[in-house]
Amino acid sequence: MGFNTTSLFTQVISTKSFTITQGMGLRSISFVLVSGVGQFKGTKPIGVTPSEYIPLVVGQPVTISAEGPDVLDQIEVDSTSGGVINFMAKQ
C-alpha cells in the first residue's frame, strides 16, 4: 500500500510581495500578519472588474484552500509597505 505525501512550504514575507501561481501546485495556504501593514488579493479579474486588496489585521490568520483536485492560482500576498507576514503552504 502506497502513501500520499504532503509537502509544507514556509516563508517570512517582509517588505515584498509573493504571488501564488498554478505552477506551484499549492492546494492550501495560510498567512498571518505579524507586524506592520500587509494585504492580499486575487489577481484574476471577473470580466472587466479587477480584484482589490484586502487588508490584513495583525494576529488574524487567513487560510485559503482549493477544492477537489484543484490547485490555487493568482493570489498575491503583499507586505511592501513595511509588514512582516508568516506564510505557510502545502501541496
C-alpha atoms as a PDB file:
ATOM      1  CA  MET A   1       0.000   0.000   0.000  1.00  0.00           C
ATOM      2  CA  GLY A   2       1.458   3.380  -1.027  1.00  0.00           C
ATOM      3  CA  PHE A   3       1.176   6.607   0.883  1.00  0.00           C
ATOM      4  CA  ASN A   4       0.345  10.038  -0.456  1.00  0.00           C
ATOM      5  CA  THR A   5       2.648  12.747   0.827  1.00  0.00           C
ATOM      6  CA  THR A   6       2.058  16.366   1.730  1.00  0.00           C
ATOM      7  CA  SER A   7       4.863  18.909   1.499  1.00  0.00           C
ATOM      8  CA  LEU A   8       4.931  22.088   3.575  1.00  0.00           C
ATOM      9  CA  PHE A   9       6.487  25.377   2.425  1.00  0.00           C
ATOM     10  CA  THR A  10       7.183  28.211   4.899  1.00  0.00           C
ATOM     11  CA  GLN A  11       8.353  31.754   4.236  1.00  0.00           C
ATOM     12  CA  VAL A  12       8.623  35.066   6.075  1.00  0.00           C
ATOM     13  CA  ILE A  13       7.423  37.747   3.669  1.00  0.00           C
ATOM     14  CA  SER A  14       8.967  41.052   4.702  1.00  0.00           C
ATOM     15  CA  THR A  15       8.677  44.259   2.645  1.00  0.00           C
ATOM     16  CA  LYS A  16       7.966  42.349  -0.594  1.00  0.00           C
ATOM     17  CA  SER A  17       5.129  40.609  -2.389  1.00  0.00           C
ATOM     18  CA  PHE A  18       4.675  36.930  -3.125  1.00  0.00           C
ATOM     19  CA  THR A  19       2.387  35.620  -5.880  1.00  0.00           C
ATOM     20  CA  ILE A  20       0.936  32.105  -5.865  1.00  0.00           C
ATOM     21  CA  THR A  21       0.642  30.596  -9.338  1.00  0.00           C
ATOM     22  CA  GLN A  22      -0.880  27.372 -10.636  1.00  0.00           C
ATOM     23  CA  GLY A  23       2.562  26.001 -11.477  1.00  0.00           C
ATOM     24  CA  MET A  24       3.457  25.880  -7.771  1.00  0.00           C
ATOM     25  CA  GLY A  25       0.854  23.146  -7.241  1.00  0.00           C
ATOM     26  CA  LEU A  26      -0.334  24.578  -3.915  1.00  0.00           C
ATOM     27  CA  ARG A  27      -3.607  23.257  -2.513  1.00  0.00           C
ATOM     28  CA  SER A  28      -3.783  25.308   0.694  1.00  0.00           C
ATOM     29  CA  ILE A  29      -2.155  28.479   2.019  1.00  0.00           C
ATOM     30  CA  SER A  30      -2.268  30.214   5.388  1.00  0.00           C
ATOM     31  CA  PHE A  31      -0.731  33.515   6.357  1.00  0.00           C
ATOM     32  CA  VAL A  32      -0.784  35.912   9.263  1.00  0.00           C
ATOM     33  CA  LEU A  33       0.416  39.492   9.612  1.00  0.00           C
ATOM     34  CA  VAL A  34       2.947  39.609  12.444  1.00  0.00           C
ATOM     35  CA  SER A  35       3.592  43.366  12.370  1.00  0.00           C
ATOM     36  CA  GLY A  36       3.238  46.420  10.176  1.00  0.00           C
ATOM     37  CA  VAL A  37       0.996  46.592   7.117  1.00  0.00           C
ATOM     38  CA  GLY A  38       0.011  43.716   4.821  1.00  0.00           C
ATOM     39  CA  GLN A  39      -2.668  42.870   2.304  1.00  0.00           C
ATOM     40  CA  PHE A  40      -3.720  40.193  -0.158  1.00  0.00           C
ATOM     41  CA  LYS A  41      -5.801  39.842  -3.299  1.00  0.00           C
ATOM     42  CA  GLY A  42      -6.723  37.509  -6.080  1.00  0.00           C
ATOM     43  CA  THR A  43      -5.041  38.726  -9.237  1.00  0.00           C
ATOM     44  CA  LYS A  44      -7.653  37.305 -11.610  1.00  0.00           C
ATOM     45  CA  PRO A  45     -10.364  39.714 -12.765  1.00  0.00           C
ATOM     46  CA  ILE A  46     -14.004  38.731 -13.141  1.00  0.00           C
ATOM     47  CA  GLY A  47     -14.967  40.102 -16.527  1.00  0.00           C
ATOM     48  CA  VAL A  48     -13.662  43.677 -16.549  1.00  0.00           C
ATOM     49  CA  THR A  49     -13.741  44.020 -12.745  1.00  0.00           C
ATOM     50  CA  PRO A  50     -10.263  43.693 -11.191  1.00  0.00           C
ATOM     51  CA  SER A  51      -9.640  42.196  -7.776  1.00  0.00           C
ATOM     52  CA  GLU A  52      -8.887  44.602  -4.940  1.00  0.00           C
ATOM     53  CA  TYR A  53      -6.567  44.250  -1.974  1.00  0.00           C
ATOM     54  CA  ILE A  54      -7.995  43.133   1.360  1.00  0.00           C
ATOM     55  CA  PRO A  55      -6.037  44.484   4.346  1.00  0.00           C
ATOM     56  CA  LEU A  56      -4.589  42.033   6.858  1.00  0.00           C
ATOM     57  CA  VAL A  57      -5.017  42.521  10.610  1.00  0.00           C
ATOM     58  CA  VAL A  58      -2.134  41.715  12.968  1.00  0.00           C
ATOM     59  CA  GLY A  59      -2.668  38.311  14.550  1.00  0.00           C
ATOM     60  CA  GLN A  60      -5.679  37.313  12.396  1.00  0.00           C
ATOM     61  CA  PRO A  61      -4.779  34.323  10.193  1.00  0.00           C
ATOM     62  CA  VAL A  62      -6.150  33.797   6.690  1.00  0.00           C
ATOM     63  CA  THR A  63      -6.473  30.329   5.133  1.00  0.00           C
ATOM     64  CA  ILE A  64      -7.395  29.673   1.502  1.00  0.00           C
ATOM     65  CA  SER A  65      -7.833  26.145   0.137  1.00  0.00           C
ATOM     66  CA  ALA A  66      -8.571  24.660  -3.266  1.00  0.00           C
ATOM     67  CA  GLU A  67     -11.408  22.179  -3.635  1.00  0.00           C
ATOM     68  CA  GLY A  68     -11.152  18.646  -5.002  1.00  0.00           C
ATOM     69  CA  PRO A  69      -8.115  18.074  -7.221  1.00  0.00           C
ATOM     70  CA  ASP A  70      -7.696  21.815  -7.967  1.00  0.00           C
ATOM     71  CA  VAL A  71      -4.678  23.953  -7.048  1.00  0.00           C
ATOM     72  CA  LEU A  72      -4.559  27.634  -6.140  1.00  0.00           C
ATOM     73  CA  ASP A  73      -3.711  30.269  -8.740  1.00  0.00           C
ATOM     74  CA  GLN A  74      -3.325  34.035  -8.984  1.00  0.00           C
ATOM     75  CA  ILE A  75      -3.194  35.074  -5.314  1.00  0.00           C
ATOM     76  CA  GLU A  76      -0.850  37.841  -4.195  1.00  0.00           C
ATOM     77  CA  VAL A  77       0.300  38.366  -0.592  1.00  0.00           C
ATOM     78  CA  ASP A  78       1.888  41.803  -0.146  1.00  0.00           C
ATOM     79  CA  SER A  79       3.919  43.440   2.603  1.00  0.00           C
ATOM     80  CA  THR A  80       5.714  46.119   0.551  1.00  0.00           C
ATOM     81  CA  SER A  81       4.514  48.860   2.939  1.00  0.00           C
ATOM     82  CA  GLY A  82       6.695  47.521   5.735  1.00  0.00           C
ATOM     83  CA  GLY A  83       4.841  44.489   7.040  1.00  0.00           C
ATOM     84  CA  VAL A  84       6.031  41.077   8.173  1.00  0.00           C
ATOM     85  CA  ILE A  85       3.844  38.120   7.175  1.00  0.00           C
ATOM     86  CA  ASN A  86       4.366  34.492   8.169  1.00  0.00           C
ATOM     87  CA  PHE A  87       3.315  32.341   5.203  1.00  0.00           C
ATOM     88  CA  MET A  88       2.698  28.566   5.018  1.00  0.00           C
ATOM     89  CA  ALA A  89       1.588  26.472   2.027  1.00  0.00           C
ATOM     90  CA  LYS A  90       1.014  22.809   1.324  1.00  0.00           C
ATOM     91  CA  GLN A  91       0.935  20.788  -1.856  1.00  0.00           C
END
